[in-house]
Amino acid sequence: MNENLWAPWRIQYIERAEGGSGNIFIDLPNANEDSTNLIVYRGNTAFVLLNAYPYTSGHLMVAPYRQTNDLPGMTDDELLEINQLIAKSITWLKTAFNPQGFNVGVNIGSAGGAGIPIHLHWHVVPRWNGDTNFMTTVGEVRVQPYTLGDVYSKLMEVIRHDA
């Protein structure tokens, strides 16, 4: 069995990470290249972006601009806006893709499963009945029916009409 999965489109993320802080939640919003960096919404204390390595099409992340891994130490403004952005993200995803459910959560610390443990971020993952199939279960591969660019465009259209 061949265990190589060719994904040449991922090189853009690897190359873009060079020279930054190593924290996408700091580097991407500071770059001010929202469409390139898949940022779909900017708030006052937090922002929303597409996950470049999604569990399902439309997988969003909500993060504060300020680097922190201390949930109890976050300001009331940050906590309020993050929860408002999670709610907006669900509305946008419902309008754009009509999912039947969602997984929403935050992984805190490496032991809690955080891929970037120095910066809290919430996942908003749309789900559809029957979206778990043999590819995920047996092949440990996720099948994405939309490209990231298509998801970004569709969400931006919804967000522009929502504003």
Protein backbone atom coordinates (compact mmCIF):
# COMPACT_ATOMS: atom_id res chain seq x y z
CA MET A 1 0.00 0.00 0.00
CA ASN A 2 1.34 3.42 -0.96
CA GLU A 3 1.29 5.73 2.07
CA ASN A 4 2.03 8.97 0.21
CA LEU A 5 -0.71 11.54 -0.11
CA TRP A 6 0.28 14.24 -2.55
CA ALA A 7 -1.06 17.66 -1.56
CA PRO A 8 0.98 20.27 -3.45
CA TRP A 9 -1.42 23.09 -2.51
CA ARG A 10 -0.20 22.88 1.10
CA ILE A 11 3.25 24.28 0.22
CA GLN A 12 1.78 27.81 0.20
CA TYR A 13 1.03 27.49 3.94
CA ILE A 14 4.47 26.12 4.71
CA GLU A 15 6.26 28.86 2.78
CA ARG A 16 4.06 31.60 4.24
CA ALA A 17 4.97 30.53 7.80
CA GLU A 18 8.66 31.28 7.23
CA GLY A 19 9.84 34.49 8.89
CA GLY A 20 6.81 35.02 11.11
CA SER A 21 6.29 34.49 14.81
CA GLY A 22 5.25 30.91 14.18
CA ASN A 23 1.76 31.68 15.48
CA ILE A 24 -0.84 31.88 12.72
CA PHE A 25 -3.23 33.71 15.05
CA ILE A 26 -0.73 36.59 15.27
CA ASP A 27 0.95 36.42 11.85
CA LEU A 28 -2.12 36.10 9.63
CA PRO A 29 -4.14 39.05 10.95
CA ASN A 30 -0.99 41.22 11.05
CA ALA A 31 -0.31 40.50 7.37
CA ASN A 32 -3.49 42.34 6.31
CA GLU A 33 -4.02 39.90 3.43
CA ASP A 34 -7.38 38.57 4.52
CA SER A 35 -8.36 36.65 1.38
CA THR A 36 -4.92 35.04 1.09
CA ASN A 37 -4.96 34.17 4.80
CA LEU A 38 -8.60 33.02 4.76
CA ILE A 39 -9.76 35.60 7.33
CA VAL A 40 -13.51 35.99 6.85
CA TYR A 41 -14.29 38.52 9.59
CA ARG A 42 -12.43 40.98 11.84
CA GLY A 43 -13.94 42.17 15.10
CA ASN A 44 -12.52 44.53 17.73
CA THR A 45 -10.84 41.89 19.93
CA ALA A 46 -11.15 38.71 17.85
CA PHE A 47 -11.41 37.43 14.28
CA VAL A 48 -12.75 34.48 12.29
CA LEU A 49 -10.79 32.47 9.74
CA LEU A 50 -11.11 29.28 7.77
CA ASN A 51 -9.09 26.37 9.02
CA ALA A 52 -6.52 25.61 6.30
CA TYR A 53 -6.63 21.92 7.33
CA PRO A 54 -10.37 21.47 7.93
CA TYR A 55 -12.22 18.53 9.42
CA THR A 56 -15.08 19.37 7.06
CA SER A 57 -15.72 22.06 4.47
CA GLY A 58 -16.47 25.35 6.22
CA HIS A 59 -14.46 24.57 9.39
CA LEU A 60 -13.94 27.98 11.01
CA MET A 61 -11.76 29.14 13.88
CA VAL A 62 -12.41 32.10 16.16
CA ALA A 63 -9.42 33.60 17.96
CA PRO A 64 -8.54 36.69 19.95
CA TYR A 65 -5.95 39.02 18.44
CA ARG A 66 -4.09 38.97 21.75
CA GLN A 67 -1.95 35.90 22.26
CA THR A 68 -3.17 34.07 25.34
CA ASN A 69 -3.68 30.51 26.47
CA ASP A 70 -5.36 31.59 29.73
CA LEU A 71 -9.13 31.36 29.36
CA PRO A 72 -9.86 32.70 32.89
CA GLY A 73 -7.47 35.59 32.20
CA MET A 74 -9.31 36.80 29.10
CA THR A 75 -11.14 40.10 29.28
CA ASP A 76 -14.92 40.31 29.36
CA ASP A 77 -14.79 42.10 25.99
CA GLU A 78 -12.79 39.25 24.43
CA LEU A 79 -15.03 36.55 25.87
CA LEU A 80 -18.21 38.34 24.79
CA GLU A 81 -17.02 39.03 21.25
CA ILE A 82 -15.68 35.49 20.78
CA ASN A 83 -19.05 34.03 21.76
CA GLN A 84 -20.85 36.49 19.49
CA LEU A 85 -18.53 35.50 16.63
CA ILE A 86 -19.17 31.80 17.27
CA ALA A 87 -22.92 32.48 17.02
CA LYS A 88 -22.42 34.54 13.82
CA SER A 89 -20.21 31.79 12.38
CA ILE A 90 -22.99 29.25 12.89
CA THR A 91 -25.48 31.58 11.19
CA TRP A 92 -23.12 32.19 8.25
CA LEU A 93 -22.40 28.47 7.83
CA LYS A 94 -26.12 27.59 8.00
CA THR A 95 -26.86 30.11 5.27
CA ALA A 96 -23.92 29.10 3.05
CA PHE A 97 -23.90 25.31 3.44
CA ASN A 98 -27.05 24.19 5.28
CA PRO A 99 -25.39 21.80 7.77
CA GLN A 100 -27.61 19.75 10.09
CA GLY A 101 -25.37 20.23 13.14
CA PHE A 102 -22.15 21.67 14.52
CA ASN A 103 -19.21 20.80 16.72
CA VAL A 104 -18.02 23.86 18.66
CA GLY A 105 -15.14 23.78 21.08
CA VAL A 106 -11.76 24.87 22.32
CA ASN A 107 -8.75 22.67 23.07
CA ILE A 108 -6.71 24.07 25.94
CA GLY A 109 -3.06 23.06 26.26
CA SER A 110 -1.13 20.32 24.49
CA ALA A 111 -2.64 17.64 26.70
CA GLY A 112 -6.09 18.97 25.77
CA GLY A 113 -5.34 18.52 22.07
CA ALA A 114 -4.42 22.10 21.16
CA GLY A 115 -2.36 22.22 17.97
CA ILE A 116 -1.23 25.74 18.88
CA PRO A 117 -1.22 25.64 22.69
CA ILE A 118 0.09 29.20 23.16
CA HIS A 119 -3.03 30.80 21.63
CA LEU A 120 -6.64 29.93 22.46
CA HIS A 121 -8.93 29.45 19.49
CA TRP A 122 -12.39 28.00 19.10
CA HIS A 123 -13.40 25.59 16.34
CA VAL A 124 -16.77 25.84 14.63
CA VAL A 125 -17.20 22.69 12.55
CA PRO A 126 -20.32 22.21 10.42
CA ARG A 127 -21.65 18.65 10.27
CA TRP A 128 -24.07 16.84 7.99
CA ASN A 129 -25.99 13.64 8.57
CA GLY A 130 -23.92 10.91 6.99
CA ASP A 131 -20.74 13.00 6.66
CA THR A 132 -18.67 10.33 8.40
CA ASN A 133 -17.88 7.69 5.82
CA PHE A 134 -15.41 4.90 5.20
CA MET A 135 -12.66 7.30 4.07
CA THR A 136 -12.46 8.87 7.54
CA THR A 137 -13.14 5.67 9.46
CA VAL A 138 -10.96 3.21 7.55
CA GLY A 139 -8.58 5.33 5.49
CA GLU A 140 -8.00 8.08 8.07
CA VAL A 141 -8.50 10.56 5.22
CA ARG A 142 -10.94 13.46 5.08
CA VAL A 143 -12.76 14.19 1.85
CA GLN A 144 -13.48 17.88 1.22
CA PRO A 145 -16.18 18.54 -1.40
CA TYR A 146 -15.22 22.24 -1.71
CA THR A 147 -11.86 23.93 -2.20
CA LEU A 148 -10.81 26.44 0.46
CA GLY A 149 -11.19 29.21 -2.12
CA ASP A 150 -14.76 28.15 -2.92
CA VAL A 151 -15.67 28.01 0.78
CA TYR A 152 -14.08 31.43 1.36
CA SER A 153 -15.98 32.99 -1.56
CA LYS A 154 -19.29 31.49 -0.50
CA LEU A 155 -18.87 32.61 3.12
CA MET A 156 -17.78 36.13 2.12
CA GLU A 157 -20.90 36.50 0.00
CA VAL A 158 -23.06 35.53 3.00
CA ILE A 159 -21.12 37.77 5.41
CA ARG A 160 -21.34 40.78 3.08
CA HIS A 161 -25.14 40.38 2.96
CA ASP A 162 -25.26 39.95 6.74
CA ALA A 163 -23.36 43.18 7.49
